[in-house]
Structure formats: C-alpha cells, structure tokens
PDB file of N, CA and C in Angstrom:
ATOM      1  N   MET A   1      12.309  -3.785   3.579  1.00  0.00           N
ATOM      2  CA  MET A   1      11.741  -3.388   2.314  1.00  0.00           C
ATOM      3  C   MET A   1      12.854  -2.763   1.479  1.00  0.00           C
ATOM      4  N   THR A   2      13.042  -3.258   0.285  1.00  0.00           N
ATOM      5  CA  THR A   2      14.095  -2.716  -0.562  1.00  0.00           C
ATOM      6  C   THR A   2      13.599  -1.541  -1.392  1.00  0.00           C
ATOM      7  N   GLU A   3      12.460  -1.699  -2.040  1.00  0.00           N
ATOM      8  CA  GLU A   3      11.870  -0.613  -2.821  1.00  0.00           C
ATOM      9  C   GLU A   3      10.370  -0.598  -2.592  1.00  0.00           C
ATOM     10  N   PRO A   4       9.767   0.571  -2.518  1.00  0.00           N
ATOM     11  CA  PRO A   4       8.320   0.631  -2.328  1.00  0.00           C
ATOM     12  C   PRO A   4       7.574   0.159  -3.572  1.00  0.00           C
ATOM     13  N   GLN A   5       6.474  -0.531  -3.349  1.00  0.00           N
ATOM     14  CA  GLN A   5       5.587  -0.929  -4.443  1.00  0.00           C
ATOM     15  C   GLN A   5       4.888   0.296  -5.021  1.00  0.00           C
ATOM     16  N   GLU A   6       4.539   1.226  -4.133  1.00  0.00           N
ATOM     17  CA  GLU A   6       3.813   2.425  -4.551  1.00  0.00           C
ATOM     18  C   GLU A   6       4.254   3.603  -3.689  1.00  0.00           C
ATOM     19  N   THR A   7       4.397   4.746  -4.292  1.00  0.00           N
ATOM     20  CA  THR A   7       4.700   5.981  -3.581  1.00  0.00           C
ATOM     21  C   THR A   7       3.674   7.017  -3.999  1.00  0.00           C
ATOM     22  N   PHE A   8       3.128   7.745  -3.033  1.00  0.00           N
ATOM     23  CA  PHE A   8       2.173   8.799  -3.373  1.00  0.00           C
ATOM     24  C   PHE A   8       2.314   9.924  -2.370  1.00  0.00           C
ATOM     25  N   TYR A   9       1.894  11.086  -2.768  1.00  0.00           N
ATOM     26  CA  TYR A   9       1.990  12.278  -1.931  1.00  0.00           C
ATOM     27  C   TYR A   9       0.599  12.721  -1.522  1.00  0.00           C
ATOM     28  N   ILE A  10       0.443  13.073  -0.262  1.00  0.00           N
ATOM     29  CA  ILE A  10      -0.825  13.577   0.264  1.00  0.00           C
ATOM     30  C   ILE A  10      -0.611  15.043   0.599  1.00  0.00           C
ATOM     31  N   LEU A  11      -1.348  15.902  -0.076  1.00  0.00           N
ATOM     32  CA  LEU A  11      -1.191  17.338   0.117  1.00  0.00           C
ATOM     33  C   LEU A  11      -2.318  17.941   0.950  1.00  0.00           C
ATOM     34  N   GLN A  12      -3.332  17.123   1.245  1.00  0.00           N
ATOM     35  CA  GLN A  12      -4.437  17.554   2.100  1.00  0.00           C
ATOM     36  C   GLN A  12      -4.997  16.307   2.779  1.00  0.00           C
ATOM     37  N   ASP A  13      -5.904  16.467   3.738  1.00  0.00           N
ATOM     38  CA  ASP A  13      -6.488  15.319   4.424  1.00  0.00           C
ATOM     39  C   ASP A  13      -7.036  14.329   3.400  1.00  0.00           C
ATOM     40  N   ALA A  14      -6.734  13.059   3.612  1.00  0.00           N
ATOM     41  CA  ALA A  14      -7.169  12.031   2.669  1.00  0.00           C
ATOM     42  C   ALA A  14      -7.220  10.687   3.377  1.00  0.00           C
ATOM     43  N   LYS A  15      -8.073   9.804   2.874  1.00  0.00           N
ATOM     44  CA  LYS A  15      -8.111   8.420   3.339  1.00  0.00           C
ATOM     45  C   LYS A  15      -7.531   7.572   2.229  1.00  0.00           C
ATOM     46  N   ARG A  16      -6.736   6.609   2.622  1.00  0.00           N
ATOM     47  CA  ARG A  16      -6.100   5.735   1.636  1.00  0.00           C
ATOM     48  C   ARG A  16      -6.172   4.311   2.158  1.00  0.00           C
ATOM     49  N   THR A  17      -6.685   3.393   1.355  1.00  0.00           N
ATOM     50  CA  THR A  17      -6.737   1.983   1.712  1.00  0.00           C
ATOM     51  C   THR A  17      -5.510   1.296   1.131  1.00  0.00           C
ATOM     52  N   ILE A  18      -4.830   0.546   1.964  1.00  0.00           N
ATOM     53  CA  ILE A  18      -3.642  -0.182   1.529  1.00  0.00           C
ATOM     54  C   ILE A  18      -3.960  -1.667   1.623  1.00  0.00           C
ATOM     55  N   GLU A  19      -3.981  -2.345   0.471  1.00  0.00           N
ATOM     56  CA  GLU A  19      -4.255  -3.779   0.449  1.00  0.00           C
ATOM     57  C   GLU A  19      -2.932  -4.527   0.353  1.00  0.00           C
ATOM     58  N   LEU A  20      -2.765  -5.519   1.217  1.00  0.00           N
ATOM     59  CA  LEU A  20      -1.540  -6.316   1.225  1.00  0.00           C
ATOM     60  C   LEU A  20      -1.870  -7.751   0.833  1.00  0.00           C
ATOM     61  N   MET A  21      -1.123  -8.298  -0.105  1.00  0.00           N
ATOM     62  CA  MET A  21      -1.251  -9.698  -0.486  1.00  0.00           C
ATOM     63  C   MET A  21      -0.174 -10.453   0.293  1.00  0.00           C
ATOM     64  N   VAL A  22      -0.616 -11.317   1.206  1.00  0.00           N
ATOM     65  CA  VAL A  22       0.327 -12.026   2.073  1.00  0.00           C
ATOM     66  C   VAL A  22       0.300 -13.509   1.723  1.00  0.00           C
ATOM     67  N   SER A  23       1.439 -14.064   1.380  1.00  0.00           N
ATOM     68  CA  SER A  23       1.546 -15.491   1.086  1.00  0.00           C
ATOM     69  C   SER A  23       1.527 -16.283   2.386  1.00  0.00           C
ATOM     70  N   PRO A  24       1.052 -17.534   2.332  1.00  0.00           N
ATOM     71  CA  PRO A  24       1.070 -18.365   3.544  1.00  0.00           C
ATOM     72  C   PRO A  24       2.472 -18.420   4.150  1.00  0.00           C
ATOM     73  N   ASP A  25       2.524 -18.355   5.468  1.00  0.00           N
ATOM     74  CA  ASP A  25       3.779 -18.403   6.233  1.00  0.00           C
ATOM     75  C   ASP A  25       4.730 -17.247   5.918  1.00  0.00           C
ATOM     76  N   LYS A  26       4.203 -16.148   5.389  1.00  0.00           N
ATOM     77  CA  LYS A  26       5.023 -14.975   5.068  1.00  0.00           C
ATOM     78  C   LYS A  26       4.452 -13.745   5.755  1.00  0.00           C
ATOM     79  N   LYS A  27       5.157 -12.640   5.636  1.00  0.00           N
ATOM     80  CA  LYS A  27       4.705 -11.359   6.174  1.00  0.00           C
ATOM     81  C   LYS A  27       4.719 -10.317   5.065  1.00  0.00           C
ATOM     82  N   ALA A  28       3.872  -9.327   5.213  1.00  0.00           N
ATOM     83  CA  ALA A  28       3.875  -8.161   4.330  1.00  0.00           C
ATOM     84  C   ALA A  28       4.006  -6.942   5.231  1.00  0.00           C
ATOM     85  N   GLY A  29       4.483  -5.851   4.677  1.00  0.00           N
ATOM     86  CA  GLY A  29       4.669  -4.673   5.512  1.00  0.00           C
ATOM     87  C   GLY A  29       4.388  -3.394   4.764  1.00  0.00           C
ATOM     88  N   TYR A  30       4.233  -2.341   5.546  1.00  0.00           N
ATOM     89  CA  TYR A  30       4.052  -1.016   4.959  1.00  0.00           C
ATOM     90  C   TYR A  30       4.688   0.022   5.856  1.00  0.00           C
ATOM     91  N   LYS A  31       5.062   1.123   5.241  1.00  0.00           N
ATOM     92  CA  LYS A  31       5.713   2.204   5.971  1.00  0.00           C
ATOM     93  C   LYS A  31       5.098   3.520   5.513  1.00  0.00           C
ATOM     94  N   ILE A  32       4.782   4.373   6.470  1.00  0.00           N
ATOM     95  CA  ILE A  32       4.259   5.706   6.176  1.00  0.00           C
ATOM     96  C   ILE A  32       5.261   6.716   6.698  1.00  0.00           C
ATOM     97  N   MET A  33       5.668   7.633   5.806  1.00  0.00           N
ATOM     98  CA  MET A  33       6.657   8.643   6.175  1.00  0.00           C
ATOM     99  C   MET A  33       6.093  10.037   5.934  1.00  0.00           C
ATOM    100  N   ARG A  34       6.527  10.970   6.768  1.00  0.00           N
ATOM    101  CA  ARG A  34       6.169  12.380   6.599  1.00  0.00           C
ATOM    102  C   ARG A  34       7.418  13.199   6.863  1.00  0.00           C
ATOM    103  N   ASP A  35       7.764  14.063   5.917  1.00  0.00           N
ATOM    104  CA  ASP A  35       8.948  14.921   6.051  1.00  0.00           C
ATOM    105  C   ASP A  35      10.195  14.107   6.414  1.00  0.00           C
ATOM    106  N   ASN A  36      10.376  12.993   5.727  1.00  0.00           N
ATOM    107  CA  ASN A  36      11.527  12.095   5.921  1.00  0.00           C
ATOM    108  C   ASN A  36      11.590  11.450   7.303  1.00  0.00           C
ATOM    109  N   GLN A  37      10.472  11.431   8.028  1.00  0.00           N
ATOM    110  CA  GLN A  37      10.400  10.731   9.315  1.00  0.00           C
ATOM    111  C   GLN A  37       9.375   9.609   9.210  1.00  0.00           C
ATOM    112  N   VAL A  38       9.711   8.453   9.785  1.00  0.00           N
ATOM    113  CA  VAL A  38       8.803   7.315   9.773  1.00  0.00           C
ATOM    114  C   VAL A  38       7.683   7.564  10.778  1.00  0.00           C
ATOM    115  N   ILE A  39       6.442   7.508  10.296  1.00  0.00           N
ATOM    116  CA  ILE A  39       5.262   7.668  11.145  1.00  0.00           C
ATOM    117  C   ILE A  39       4.749   6.292  11.570  1.00  0.00           C
ATOM    118  N   ILE A  40       4.651   5.368  10.603  1.00  0.00           N
ATOM    119  CA  ILE A  40       4.205   3.995  10.868  1.00  0.00           C
ATOM    120  C   ILE A  40       5.088   3.050  10.059  1.00  0.00           C
ATOM    121  N   ASP A  41       5.514   1.953  10.685  1.00  0.00           N
ATOM    122  CA  ASP A  41       6.268   0.899  10.008  1.00  0.00           C
ATOM    123  C   ASP A  41       5.783  -0.411  10.612  1.00  0.00           C
ATOM    124  N   GLU A  42       4.878  -1.095   9.903  1.00  0.00           N
ATOM    125  CA  GLU A  42       4.239  -2.289  10.469  1.00  0.00           C
ATOM    126  C   GLU A  42       4.333  -3.472   9.523  1.00  0.00           C
ATOM    127  N   SER A  43       4.324  -4.674  10.110  1.00  0.00           N
ATOM    128  CA  SER A  43       4.283  -5.925   9.366  1.00  0.00           C
ATOM    129  C   SER A  43       2.994  -6.646   9.701  1.00  0.00           C
ATOM    130  N   VAL A  44       2.491  -7.385   8.719  1.00  0.00           N
ATOM    131  CA  VAL A  44       1.258  -8.149   8.894  1.00  0.00           C
ATOM    132  C   VAL A  44       1.558  -9.586   8.497  1.00  0.00           C
ATOM    133  N   SER A  45       1.184 -10.550   9.351  1.00  0.00           N
ATOM    134  CA  SER A  45       1.379 -11.963   9.050  1.00  0.00           C
ATOM    135  C   SER A  45       0.189 -12.503   8.269  1.00  0.00           C
ATOM    136  N   TYR A  46       0.403 -13.627   7.597  1.00  0.00           N
ATOM    137  CA  TYR A  46      -0.680 -14.310   6.890  1.00  0.00           C
ATOM    138  C   TYR A  46      -1.762 -14.676   7.896  1.00  0.00           C
ATOM    139  N   PRO A  47      -3.044 -14.391   7.588  1.00  0.00           N
ATOM    140  CA  PRO A  47      -4.109 -14.715   8.555  1.00  0.00           C
ATOM    141  C   PRO A  47      -4.225 -16.219   8.774  1.00  0.00           C
ATOM    142  N   GLU A  48      -4.509 -16.593   9.990  1.00  0.00           N
ATOM    143  CA  GLU A  48      -4.647 -18.025  10.328  1.00  0.00           C
ATOM    144  C   GLU A  48      -6.014 -18.529   9.978  1.00  0.00           C
TER     145      GLU A  48
END
C-alpha cells in the first residue's frame, strides 16, 4: 500500500465497517495501526 485511501482516529470504543472494492483477479488490503504499531494487515482476494 503506497498511501491510505482513508485515515481516521478512534478516541473511544467504536465499530467501523470497511468496504473493499476488489477487481476480478486482484486483491485489496487494509491495515489497522495503534500507536505506530501494526495491529492488523490483511489482504482480501476477489470472491469466486
């Protein structure tokens, strides 16, 4: 990932839905960071 599509700050408990648009034969990904540490870094493939 070169630049994030969206950046937001969570200052209290919150639920956030992340929608990914995945092109056929491609992957999309997302990364969640807290205090400059990666918590989640996942890729999702186009559904079959």
